[in-house]
């Protein structure tokens, strides 16, 4: 009960701070024909991905190392029990026709139990320019949970199920969102082979629309390798069908992360689509911050390496 109370208070403070910082002008309108057909696939998963294992210990007062490239694929390992991770990500993407979008978003992840992670993708700040008018707004919100039901043993990898629901807080008149609620369920398999980590995702999307719901399936595989105690790199491929269109989206990602402290890491990635869907490319830069609300302040000990089970 104490952990649940701390979580509610923390999320309430974050929501208030985010609401005060990001307000949009309702008088703005999105020009016709400028919208991302890949909204659910890319923006819905941009905050996802943390291919670094953390030690599960609800009573552990310390903070485990947290370094993760901003991948589409999620890991089966969940956030350290009792810890709150704040993942902030800046995304820049050309949309075609001289139009550019920049998004700043934050995802809060809380390790509720050693196997259960609660996640809230706060409404991010979105700017679009280059179409003759500068549009400012917010993105949709995502609330979800990930449960790991099997630990890696022998040839069987870590296995988990993730569920997320999108709340349509973005303005559809600007092309920032569909204006409808979406649901995404993801099966996750993760495995370690010495200094290399693998994450496989199979995601099913049920997207709302004017004429009812539409389904789509996406798949991805991320391979992460530790090059130095504080440095890791990732190569990833992901894609699949998209709700509301017959177009398919496929993209490749190259990224990395650097553990500045046990509780602080920076990351970045470049995404290039190999299909004709939009956006054709993305540039991502992020920051991961970990804390234990009401339990302990971040440690000042030296970063001894990226923790793995």
C-alpha atoms as a PDB file:
ATOM      1  CA  UNK A   1       0.000   0.000   0.000  1.00  0.00           C
ATOM      2  CA  UNK A   2       2.861   2.375   0.775  1.00  0.00           C
ATOM      3  CA  UNK A   3       4.419   1.744  -2.658  1.00  0.00           C
ATOM      4  CA  UNK A   4       1.054   2.317  -4.387  1.00  0.00           C
ATOM      5  CA  UNK A   5       0.541   5.599  -2.503  1.00  0.00           C
ATOM      6  CA  UNK A   6       4.035   6.834  -3.458  1.00  0.00           C
ATOM      7  CA  UNK A   7       3.388   5.916  -7.093  1.00  0.00           C
ATOM      8  CA  UNK A   8       0.083   7.797  -7.237  1.00  0.00           C
ATOM      9  CA  UNK A   9       1.601  10.913  -5.642  1.00  0.00           C
ATOM     10  CA  UNK A  10       4.600  10.849  -8.005  1.00  0.00           C
ATOM     11  CA  UNK A  11       2.439  10.447 -11.120  1.00  0.00           C
ATOM     12  CA  UNK A  12       0.091  13.224  -9.961  1.00  0.00           C
ATOM     13  CA  UNK A  13       3.012  15.649  -9.566  1.00  0.00           C
ATOM     14  CA  UNK A  14       4.386  14.697 -12.994  1.00  0.00           C
ATOM     15  CA  UNK A  15       0.970  15.178 -14.599  1.00  0.00           C
ATOM     16  CA  UNK A  16       0.553  18.634 -13.064  1.00  0.00           C
ATOM     17  CA  UNK A  17       4.056  19.723 -14.110  1.00  0.00           C
ATOM     18  CA  UNK A  18       3.543  18.435 -17.634  1.00  0.00           C
ATOM     19  CA  UNK A  19       0.150  20.139 -17.949  1.00  0.00           C
ATOM     20  CA  UNK A  20       1.602  23.488 -16.905  1.00  0.00           C
ATOM     21  CA  UNK A  21       4.461  23.206 -19.383  1.00  0.00           C
ATOM     22  CA  UNK A  22       2.714  22.077 -22.561  1.00  0.00           C
ATOM     23  CA  UNK A  23      -0.282  24.027 -23.763  1.00  0.00           C
ATOM     24  CA  UNK A  24      -1.365  24.250 -27.383  1.00  0.00           C
ATOM     25  CA  UNK A  25      -3.181  26.924 -29.318  1.00  0.00           C
ATOM     26  CA  UNK A  26      -6.623  25.561 -30.347  1.00  0.00           C
ATOM     27  CA  UNK A  27      -6.773  28.118 -33.159  1.00  0.00           C
ATOM     28  CA  UNK A  28      -4.018  26.295 -35.073  1.00  0.00           C
ATOM     29  CA  UNK A  29      -5.060  23.957 -37.870  1.00  0.00           C
ATOM     30  CA  UNK A  30      -3.127  21.317 -39.723  1.00  0.00           C
ATOM     31  CA  UNK A  31      -2.689  21.802 -43.482  1.00  0.00           C
ATOM     32  CA  UNK A  32      -4.432  19.245 -45.665  1.00  0.00           C
ATOM     33  CA  UNK A  33      -2.444  16.209 -46.704  1.00  0.00           C
ATOM     34  CA  UNK A  34       0.293  16.508 -44.026  1.00  0.00           C
ATOM     35  CA  UNK A  35       0.014  13.667 -41.502  1.00  0.00           C
ATOM     36  CA  UNK A  36       2.084  10.702 -40.467  1.00  0.00           C
ATOM     37  CA  UNK A  37       0.611   7.410 -41.625  1.00  0.00           C
ATOM     38  CA  UNK A  38       2.932   5.683 -39.187  1.00  0.00           C
ATOM     39  CA  UNK A  39       1.661   7.383 -36.036  1.00  0.00           C
ATOM     40  CA  UNK A  40       0.662   4.250 -34.155  1.00  0.00           C
ATOM     41  CA  UNK A  41       3.743   2.267 -35.122  1.00  0.00           C
ATOM     42  CA  UNK A  42       6.425   4.920 -34.556  1.00  0.00           C
ATOM     43  CA  UNK A  43       5.129   7.455 -32.028  1.00  0.00           C
ATOM     44  CA  UNK A  44       3.306   4.794 -30.068  1.00  0.00           C
ATOM     45  CA  UNK A  45       6.533   2.917 -29.480  1.00  0.00           C
ATOM     46  CA  UNK A  46       9.168   5.648 -29.572  1.00  0.00           C
ATOM     47  CA  UNK A  47       9.451   5.691 -25.836  1.00  0.00           C
ATOM     48  CA  UNK A  48       9.877   1.961 -25.657  1.00  0.00           C
ATOM     49  CA  UNK A  49      13.025  -0.135 -25.410  1.00  0.00           C
ATOM     50  CA  UNK A  50      15.488  -0.828 -22.579  1.00  0.00           C
ATOM     51  CA  UNK A  51      17.649  -3.814 -23.470  1.00  0.00           C
ATOM     52  CA  UNK A  52      19.655  -3.822 -20.245  1.00  0.00           C
ATOM     53  CA  UNK A  53      18.937  -6.271 -17.471  1.00  0.00           C
ATOM     54  CA  UNK A  54      18.422  -4.968 -13.938  1.00  0.00           C
ATOM     55  CA  UNK A  55      18.514  -6.835 -10.644  1.00  0.00           C
ATOM     56  CA  UNK A  56      15.062  -7.322  -9.112  1.00  0.00           C
ATOM     57  CA  UNK A  57      15.101  -6.454  -5.407  1.00  0.00           C
ATOM     58  CA  UNK A  58      12.172  -4.539  -3.912  1.00  0.00           C
ATOM     59  CA  UNK A  59      14.083  -4.075  -0.680  1.00  0.00           C
ATOM     60  CA  UNK A  60      17.340  -3.045  -2.323  1.00  0.00           C
ATOM     61  CA  UNK A  61      17.913   0.608  -1.442  1.00  0.00           C
ATOM     62  CA  UNK A  62      20.490   1.174  -4.164  1.00  0.00           C
ATOM     63  CA  UNK A  63      19.887   1.891  -7.833  1.00  0.00           C
ATOM     64  CA  UNK A  64      21.032  -0.470 -10.531  1.00  0.00           C
ATOM     65  CA  UNK A  65      22.750   0.840 -13.697  1.00  0.00           C
ATOM     66  CA  UNK A  66      20.285   1.981 -16.335  1.00  0.00           C
ATOM     67  CA  UNK A  67      21.494   2.485 -19.904  1.00  0.00           C
ATOM     68  CA  UNK A  68      19.220   1.840 -22.885  1.00  0.00           C
ATOM     69  CA  UNK A  69      19.157   2.948 -26.542  1.00  0.00           C
ATOM     70  CA  UNK A  70      15.734   4.290 -27.639  1.00  0.00           C
ATOM     71  CA  UNK A  71      14.652   1.152 -29.508  1.00  0.00           C
ATOM     72  CA  UNK A  72      11.202   0.152 -30.757  1.00  0.00           C
ATOM     73  CA  UNK A  73      11.567  -3.323 -29.231  1.00  0.00           C
ATOM     74  CA  UNK A  74      10.872  -3.663 -25.517  1.00  0.00           C
ATOM     75  CA  UNK A  75      12.806  -6.048 -23.246  1.00  0.00           C
ATOM     76  CA  UNK A  76      11.255  -8.803 -21.168  1.00  0.00           C
ATOM     77  CA  UNK A  77      13.111  -7.490 -18.107  1.00  0.00           C
ATOM     78  CA  UNK A  78      11.103  -4.926 -16.164  1.00  0.00           C
ATOM     79  CA  UNK A  79      12.135  -1.806 -14.262  1.00  0.00           C
ATOM     80  CA  UNK A  80      13.949  -2.470 -10.984  1.00  0.00           C
ATOM     81  CA  UNK A  81      11.417  -3.135  -8.251  1.00  0.00           C
ATOM     82  CA  UNK A  82      10.644   0.012  -6.249  1.00  0.00           C
ATOM     83  CA  UNK A  83      12.468   2.286  -8.716  1.00  0.00           C
ATOM     84  CA  UNK A  84      10.994   5.023 -10.897  1.00  0.00           C
ATOM     85  CA  UNK A  85      12.628   5.590 -14.291  1.00  0.00           C
ATOM     86  CA  UNK A  86      12.076   8.789 -16.252  1.00  0.00           C
ATOM     87  CA  UNK A  87      12.959   8.382 -19.934  1.00  0.00           C
ATOM     88  CA  UNK A  88      12.925  11.653 -21.880  1.00  0.00           C
ATOM     89  CA  UNK A  89      13.333  11.549 -25.645  1.00  0.00           C
ATOM     90  CA  UNK A  90      13.744  14.200 -28.344  1.00  0.00           C
ATOM     91  CA  UNK A  91      12.717  13.051 -31.835  1.00  0.00           C
ATOM     92  CA  UNK A  92      13.239  14.984 -35.075  1.00  0.00           C
ATOM     93  CA  UNK A  93      11.726  13.662 -38.291  1.00  0.00           C
ATOM     94  CA  UNK A  94      11.186  15.118 -41.788  1.00  0.00           C
ATOM     95  CA  UNK A  95       7.659  14.344 -42.979  1.00  0.00           C
ATOM     96  CA  UNK A  96       8.118  15.198 -46.665  1.00  0.00           C
ATOM     97  CA  UNK A  97       7.151  18.294 -48.638  1.00  0.00           C
ATOM     98  CA  UNK A  98       9.532  20.409 -46.569  1.00  0.00           C
ATOM     99  CA  UNK A  99       7.609  19.655 -43.349  1.00  0.00           C
ATOM    100  CA  UNK A 100       9.527  18.811 -40.146  1.00  0.00           C
ATOM    101  CA  UNK A 101       8.295  17.528 -36.791  1.00  0.00           C
ATOM    102  CA  UNK A 102      10.072  17.707 -33.430  1.00  0.00           C
ATOM    103  CA  UNK A 103       8.736  15.868 -30.396  1.00  0.00           C
ATOM    104  CA  UNK A 104       9.830  15.970 -26.761  1.00  0.00           C
ATOM    105  CA  UNK A 105       8.257  13.223 -24.688  1.00  0.00           C
ATOM    106  CA  UNK A 106       8.729  11.574 -21.305  1.00  0.00           C
ATOM    107  CA  UNK A 107       7.826   8.094 -20.147  1.00  0.00           C
ATOM    108  CA  UNK A 108       7.575   7.199 -16.460  1.00  0.00           C
ATOM    109  CA  UNK A 109       8.208   3.530 -15.583  1.00  0.00           C
ATOM    110  CA  UNK A 110       7.705   2.116 -12.109  1.00  0.00           C
ATOM    111  CA  UNK A 111       8.797  -1.328 -10.905  1.00  0.00           C
ATOM    112  CA  UNK A 112       5.709  -2.306  -8.922  1.00  0.00           C
ATOM    113  CA  UNK A 113       6.934  -5.854  -8.251  1.00  0.00           C
ATOM    114  CA  UNK A 114      10.030  -7.803  -9.353  1.00  0.00           C
ATOM    115  CA  UNK A 115       8.065  -8.936 -12.438  1.00  0.00           C
ATOM    116  CA  UNK A 116       5.542  -6.137 -13.042  1.00  0.00           C
ATOM    117  CA  UNK A 117       6.282  -2.720 -14.552  1.00  0.00           C
ATOM    118  CA  UNK A 118       3.755   0.103 -14.797  1.00  0.00           C
ATOM    119  CA  UNK A 119       4.305   2.684 -17.533  1.00  0.00           C
ATOM    120  CA  UNK A 120       2.881   6.108 -18.379  1.00  0.00           C
ATOM    121  CA  UNK A 121       3.789   7.913 -21.583  1.00  0.00           C
ATOM    122  CA  UNK A 122       3.023  11.512 -20.658  1.00  0.00           C
ATOM    123  CA  UNK A 123       1.650  13.863 -23.334  1.00  0.00           C
ATOM    124  CA  UNK A 124       4.714  15.202 -25.121  1.00  0.00           C
ATOM    125  CA  UNK A 125       5.379  18.554 -26.732  1.00  0.00           C
ATOM    126  CA  UNK A 126       5.104  18.471 -30.546  1.00  0.00           C
ATOM    127  CA  UNK A 127       6.125  21.161 -33.063  1.00  0.00           C
ATOM    128  CA  UNK A 128       5.606  21.064 -36.823  1.00  0.00           C
ATOM    129  CA  UNK A 129       7.108  23.616 -39.181  1.00  0.00           C
ATOM    130  CA  UNK A 130       7.934  24.185 -42.825  1.00  0.00           C
ATOM    131  CA  UNK A 131       4.412  24.076 -44.224  1.00  0.00           C
ATOM    132  CA  UNK A 132       3.807  27.813 -44.118  1.00  0.00           C
ATOM    133  CA  UNK A 133       2.609  27.746 -40.519  1.00  0.00           C
ATOM    134  CA  UNK A 134       4.179  26.656 -37.251  1.00  0.00           C
ATOM    135  CA  UNK A 135       1.922  24.233 -35.393  1.00  0.00           C
ATOM    136  CA  UNK A 136       2.337  23.460 -31.704  1.00  0.00           C
ATOM    137  CA  UNK A 137       0.516  20.793 -29.725  1.00  0.00           C
ATOM    138  CA  UNK A 138       0.772  17.697 -27.580  1.00  0.00           C
ATOM    139  CA  UNK A 139       1.010  14.019 -28.400  1.00  0.00           C
ATOM    140  CA  UNK A 140      -1.272  11.209 -27.284  1.00  0.00           C
ATOM    141  CA  UNK A 141      -0.807   9.577 -23.876  1.00  0.00           C
ATOM    142  CA  UNK A 142       0.016   5.903 -23.362  1.00  0.00           C
ATOM    143  CA  UNK A 143      -0.626   3.892 -20.188  1.00  0.00           C
ATOM    144  CA  UNK A 144       0.534   0.305 -19.977  1.00  0.00           C
ATOM    145  CA  UNK A 145       1.996  -2.555 -17.988  1.00  0.00           C
ATOM    146  CA  UNK A 146       4.550  -5.279 -18.671  1.00  0.00           C
ATOM    147  CA  UNK A 147       4.595  -8.615 -16.825  1.00  0.00           C
ATOM    148  CA  UNK A 148       7.503 -11.071 -17.095  1.00  0.00           C
ATOM    149  CA  UNK A 149       6.169 -14.599 -16.615  1.00  0.00           C
ATOM    150  CA  UNK A 150       9.308 -16.641 -17.367  1.00  0.00           C
ATOM    151  CA  UNK A 151      13.005 -16.253 -16.538  1.00  0.00           C
ATOM    152  CA  UNK A 152      15.673 -17.307 -19.015  1.00  0.00           C
ATOM    153  CA  UNK A 153      16.640 -20.935 -18.420  1.00  0.00           C
ATOM    154  CA  UNK A 154      18.536 -23.136 -20.833  1.00  0.00           C
ATOM    155  CA  UNK A 155      17.257 -22.552 -24.352  1.00  0.00           C
ATOM    156  CA  UNK A 156      14.078 -20.807 -23.208  1.00  0.00           C
ATOM    157  CA  UNK A 157      14.507 -16.983 -23.049  1.00  0.00           C
ATOM    158  CA  UNK A 158      12.892 -14.431 -20.772  1.00  0.00           C
ATOM    159  CA  UNK A 159       9.218 -14.144 -21.734  1.00  0.00           C
ATOM    160  CA  UNK A 160       6.809 -11.280 -21.035  1.00  0.00           C
ATOM    161  CA  UNK A 161       3.490  -9.779 -22.082  1.00  0.00           C
ATOM    162  CA  UNK A 162       2.927  -6.052 -22.471  1.00  0.00           C
ATOM    163  CA  UNK A 163      -0.357  -4.185 -22.820  1.00  0.00           C
ATOM    164  CA  UNK A 164      -0.805  -0.470 -23.522  1.00  0.00           C
ATOM    165  CA  UNK A 165      -3.756   1.776 -24.271  1.00  0.00           C
ATOM    166  CA  UNK A 166      -3.554   5.114 -26.064  1.00  0.00           C
ATOM    167  CA  UNK A 167      -5.650   8.025 -24.861  1.00  0.00           C
ATOM    168  CA  UNK A 168      -6.288  10.508 -27.710  1.00  0.00           C
ATOM    169  CA  UNK A 169      -5.007  13.759 -26.214  1.00  0.00           C
ATOM    170  CA  UNK A 170      -3.397  14.929 -29.485  1.00  0.00           C
ATOM    171  CA  UNK A 171      -5.275  17.269 -31.814  1.00  0.00           C
ATOM    172  CA  UNK A 172      -6.492  15.350 -34.913  1.00  0.00           C
ATOM    173  CA  UNK A 173      -7.235  18.628 -36.732  1.00  0.00           C
ATOM    174  CA  UNK A 174      -3.487  19.234 -36.865  1.00  0.00           C
ATOM    175  CA  UNK A 175      -2.681  15.679 -37.883  1.00  0.00           C
ATOM    176  CA  UNK A 176      -1.011  15.019 -34.519  1.00  0.00           C
ATOM    177  CA  UNK A 177      -3.302  12.097 -33.692  1.00  0.00           C
ATOM    178  CA  UNK A 178      -6.279  10.065 -34.833  1.00  0.00           C
ATOM    179  CA  UNK A 179      -8.644  11.250 -32.093  1.00  0.00           C
ATOM    180  CA  UNK A 180      -9.476   7.618 -31.207  1.00  0.00           C
ATOM    181  CA  UNK A 181      -8.371   5.135 -28.566  1.00  0.00           C
ATOM    182  CA  UNK A 182      -5.918   2.385 -29.553  1.00  0.00           C
ATOM    183  CA  UNK A 183      -4.899  -0.847 -27.815  1.00  0.00           C
ATOM    184  CA  UNK A 184      -1.554  -2.620 -28.249  1.00  0.00           C
ATOM    185  CA  UNK A 185      -0.628  -6.070 -26.936  1.00  0.00           C
ATOM    186  CA  UNK A 186       2.976  -7.272 -27.262  1.00  0.00           C
ATOM    187  CA  UNK A 187       4.622 -10.645 -26.768  1.00  0.00           C
ATOM    188  CA  UNK A 188       8.284 -10.236 -25.754  1.00  0.00           C
ATOM    189  CA  UNK A 189      11.176 -12.697 -25.781  1.00  0.00           C
ATOM    190  CA  UNK A 190      14.634 -11.649 -24.545  1.00  0.00           C
ATOM    191  CA  UNK A 191      17.850 -13.622 -24.221  1.00  0.00           C
ATOM    192  CA  UNK A 192      21.517 -13.124 -23.288  1.00  0.00           C
ATOM    193  CA  UNK A 193      24.471 -14.722 -24.996  1.00  0.00           C
ATOM    194  CA  UNK A 194      27.640 -13.593 -23.190  1.00  0.00           C
ATOM    195  CA  UNK A 195      27.943  -9.831 -23.884  1.00  0.00           C
ATOM    196  CA  UNK A 196      25.145  -9.773 -26.487  1.00  0.00           C
ATOM    197  CA  UNK A 197      21.468  -9.261 -25.711  1.00  0.00           C
ATOM    198  CA  UNK A 198      18.476 -10.049 -27.973  1.00  0.00           C
ATOM    199  CA  UNK A 199      14.934  -8.632 -27.822  1.00  0.00           C
ATOM    200  CA  UNK A 200      12.137  -9.931 -30.057  1.00  0.00           C
ATOM    201  CA  UNK A 201       8.686  -8.300 -30.110  1.00  0.00           C
ATOM    202  CA  UNK A 202       5.427  -9.316 -31.791  1.00  0.00           C
ATOM    203  CA  UNK A 203       2.886  -6.516 -31.366  1.00  0.00           C
ATOM    204  CA  UNK A 204      -0.797  -6.522 -32.272  1.00  0.00           C
ATOM    205  CA  UNK A 205      -2.616  -3.196 -32.572  1.00  0.00           C
ATOM    206  CA  UNK A 206      -6.364  -2.573 -32.435  1.00  0.00           C
ATOM    207  CA  UNK A 207      -6.845   1.034 -33.555  1.00  0.00           C
ATOM    208  CA  UNK A 208     -10.043   3.024 -33.290  1.00  0.00           C
ATOM    209  CA  UNK A 209     -11.431   4.985 -36.224  1.00  0.00           C
ATOM    210  CA  UNK A 210     -14.493   6.642 -37.723  1.00  0.00           C
ATOM    211  CA  UNK A 211     -15.706   3.333 -39.175  1.00  0.00           C
ATOM    212  CA  UNK A 212     -14.880   1.079 -36.247  1.00  0.00           C
ATOM    213  CA  UNK A 213     -11.680  -0.689 -35.267  1.00  0.00           C
ATOM    214  CA  UNK A 214      -8.858  -1.865 -37.485  1.00  0.00           C
ATOM    215  CA  UNK A 215      -6.084  -4.310 -36.651  1.00  0.00           C
ATOM    216  CA  UNK A 216      -2.413  -4.530 -37.539  1.00  0.00           C
ATOM    217  CA  UNK A 217       0.628  -6.591 -36.591  1.00  0.00           C
ATOM    218  CA  UNK A 218       4.259  -5.493 -36.243  1.00  0.00           C
ATOM    219  CA  UNK A 219       7.434  -7.435 -35.492  1.00  0.00           C
ATOM    220  CA  UNK A 220      10.923  -6.395 -34.436  1.00  0.00           C
ATOM    221  CA  UNK A 221      14.318  -7.730 -33.378  1.00  0.00           C
ATOM    222  CA  UNK A 222      16.985  -5.719 -31.557  1.00  0.00           C
ATOM    223  CA  UNK A 223      20.561  -6.934 -30.955  1.00  0.00           C
ATOM    224  CA  UNK A 224      22.505  -5.089 -28.250  1.00  0.00           C
ATOM    225  CA  UNK A 225      26.190  -5.553 -27.433  1.00  0.00           C
ATOM    226  CA  UNK A 226      28.304  -4.172 -24.590  1.00  0.00           C
ATOM    227  CA  UNK A 227      31.516  -2.672 -25.935  1.00  0.00           C
ATOM    228  CA  UNK A 228      32.737  -1.026 -22.706  1.00  0.00           C
ATOM    229  CA  UNK A 229      31.487  -1.182 -19.105  1.00  0.00           C
ATOM    230  CA  UNK A 230      29.537   2.030 -19.690  1.00  0.00           C
ATOM    231  CA  UNK A 231      28.934   1.841 -23.450  1.00  0.00           C
ATOM    232  CA  UNK A 232      26.561  -0.325 -25.474  1.00  0.00           C
ATOM    233  CA  UNK A 233      25.320  -0.296 -29.056  1.00  0.00           C
ATOM    234  CA  UNK A 234      22.194  -1.624 -30.776  1.00  0.00           C
ATOM    235  CA  UNK A 235      21.135  -2.668 -34.262  1.00  0.00           C
ATOM    236  CA  UNK A 236      17.429  -3.221 -34.846  1.00  0.00           C
ATOM    237  CA  UNK A 237      14.895  -3.957 -37.582  1.00  0.00           C
ATOM    238  CA  UNK A 238      11.153  -3.572 -37.118  1.00  0.00           C
ATOM    239  CA  UNK A 239       7.951  -3.010 -39.078  1.00  0.00           C
ATOM    240  CA  UNK A 240       4.696  -4.497 -40.304  1.00  0.00           C
ATOM    241  CA  UNK A 241       1.196  -3.529 -41.328  1.00  0.00           C
ATOM    242  CA  UNK A 242      -0.448  -0.284 -40.235  1.00  0.00           C
ATOM    243  CA  UNK A 243      -4.015   0.410 -39.084  1.00  0.00           C
ATOM    244  CA  UNK A 244      -6.211   2.251 -41.562  1.00  0.00           C
ATOM    245  CA  UNK A 245      -3.969   1.747 -44.590  1.00  0.00           C
ATOM    246  CA  UNK A 246      -2.720  -1.002 -46.856  1.00  0.00           C
ATOM    247  CA  UNK A 247       0.817   0.422 -46.663  1.00  0.00           C
ATOM    248  CA  UNK A 248       3.432  -1.497 -44.714  1.00  0.00           C
ATOM    249  CA  UNK A 249       6.215   0.112 -42.711  1.00  0.00           C
ATOM    250  CA  UNK A 250       9.728  -1.240 -42.285  1.00  0.00           C
ATOM    251  CA  UNK A 251      12.717   0.478 -40.693  1.00  0.00           C
ATOM    252  CA  UNK A 252      16.223  -0.165 -39.351  1.00  0.00           C
ATOM    253  CA  UNK A 253      17.770   1.479 -36.283  1.00  0.00           C
ATOM    254  CA  UNK A 254      21.348   2.036 -35.174  1.00  0.00           C
ATOM    255  CA  UNK A 255      21.859   3.463 -31.697  1.00  0.00           C
ATOM    256  CA  UNK A 256      23.765   3.412 -28.457  1.00  0.00           C
ATOM    257  CA  UNK A 257      23.790   4.460 -24.806  1.00  0.00           C
ATOM    258  CA  UNK A 258      26.370   5.728 -22.319  1.00  0.00           C
ATOM    259  CA  UNK A 259      26.026   5.236 -18.557  1.00  0.00           C
ATOM    260  CA  UNK A 260      27.090   8.545 -17.042  1.00  0.00           C
ATOM    261  CA  UNK A 261      26.185   7.443 -13.500  1.00  0.00           C
ATOM    262  CA  UNK A 262      24.362   4.497 -11.947  1.00  0.00           C
ATOM    263  CA  UNK A 263      21.188   6.571 -12.071  1.00  0.00           C
ATOM    264  CA  UNK A 264      21.819   8.602 -15.248  1.00  0.00           C
ATOM    265  CA  UNK A 265      22.391   7.618 -18.880  1.00  0.00           C
ATOM    266  CA  UNK A 266      22.281   9.342 -22.258  1.00  0.00           C
ATOM    267  CA  UNK A 267      21.349   7.647 -25.527  1.00  0.00           C
ATOM    268  CA  UNK A 268      20.661   8.264 -29.179  1.00  0.00           C
ATOM    269  CA  UNK A 269      19.679   6.532 -32.405  1.00  0.00           C
ATOM    270  CA  UNK A 270      19.105   6.986 -36.106  1.00  0.00           C
ATOM    271  CA  UNK A 271      16.132   5.314 -37.821  1.00  0.00           C
ATOM    272  CA  UNK A 272      15.841   4.842 -41.582  1.00  0.00           C
ATOM    273  CA  UNK A 273      12.737   3.453 -43.273  1.00  0.00           C
ATOM    274  CA  UNK A 274      13.286   0.998 -46.116  1.00  0.00           C
ATOM    275  CA  UNK A 275       9.672   1.290 -47.308  1.00  0.00           C
ATOM    276  CA  UNK A 276       7.917   4.282 -48.836  1.00  0.00           C
ATOM    277  CA  UNK A 277       5.856   5.073 -45.729  1.00  0.00           C
ATOM    278  CA  UNK A 278       6.405   8.280 -43.754  1.00  0.00           C
ATOM    279  CA  UNK A 279       8.539   9.267 -41.884  1.00  0.00           C
ATOM    280  CA  UNK A 280      11.523   8.218 -43.951  1.00  0.00           C
ATOM    281  CA  UNK A 281      14.034   8.914 -41.175  1.00  0.00           C
ATOM    282  CA  UNK A 282      14.209   9.873 -37.516  1.00  0.00           C
ATOM    283  CA  UNK A 283      16.888  11.312 -35.239  1.00  0.00           C
ATOM    284  CA  UNK A 284      16.541  10.479 -31.534  1.00  0.00           C
ATOM    285  CA  UNK A 285      18.381  11.764 -28.456  1.00  0.00           C
ATOM    286  CA  UNK A 286      17.366  10.720 -24.963  1.00  0.00           C
ATOM    287  CA  UNK A 287      18.085  10.853 -21.240  1.00  0.00           C
ATOM    288  CA  UNK A 288      17.303   8.153 -18.654  1.00  0.00           C
ATOM    289  CA  UNK A 289      17.036   9.093 -14.969  1.00  0.00           C
ATOM    290  CA  UNK A 290      16.331   6.606 -12.168  1.00  0.00           C
ATOM    291  CA  UNK A 291      15.274   7.264  -8.581  1.00  0.00           C
ATOM    292  CA  UNK A 292      13.707   5.438  -5.646  1.00  0.00           C
ATOM    293  CA  UNK A 293      10.895   7.731  -4.400  1.00  0.00           C
ATOM    294  CA  UNK A 294      10.714   7.824  -0.610  1.00  0.00           C
ATOM    295  CA  UNK A 295      13.371   5.132  -0.207  1.00  0.00           C
ATOM    296  CA  UNK A 296      16.839   6.395  -1.077  1.00  0.00           C
ATOM    297  CA  UNK A 297      18.655   9.101  -2.983  1.00  0.00           C
ATOM    298  CA  UNK A 298      20.717   8.151  -6.070  1.00  0.00           C
ATOM    299  CA  UNK A 299      24.038   6.595  -5.130  1.00  0.00           C
ATOM    300  CA  UNK A 300      27.321   8.359  -5.812  1.00  0.00           C
ATOM    301  CA  UNK A 301      29.332   5.164  -6.184  1.00  0.00           C
ATOM    302  CA  UNK A 302      31.408   4.597  -9.295  1.00  0.00           C
ATOM    303  CA  UNK A 303      29.694   3.009 -12.285  1.00  0.00           C
ATOM    304  CA  UNK A 304      31.022  -0.533 -12.087  1.00  0.00           C
ATOM    305  CA  UNK A 305      29.376  -1.832 -15.253  1.00  0.00           C
ATOM    306  CA  UNK A 306      25.959  -2.468 -16.684  1.00  0.00           C
ATOM    307  CA  UNK A 307      24.067  -4.811 -14.415  1.00  0.00           C
ATOM    308  CA  UNK A 308      22.942  -8.136 -15.803  1.00  0.00           C
ATOM    309  CA  UNK A 309      21.334 -11.172 -14.258  1.00  0.00           C
END
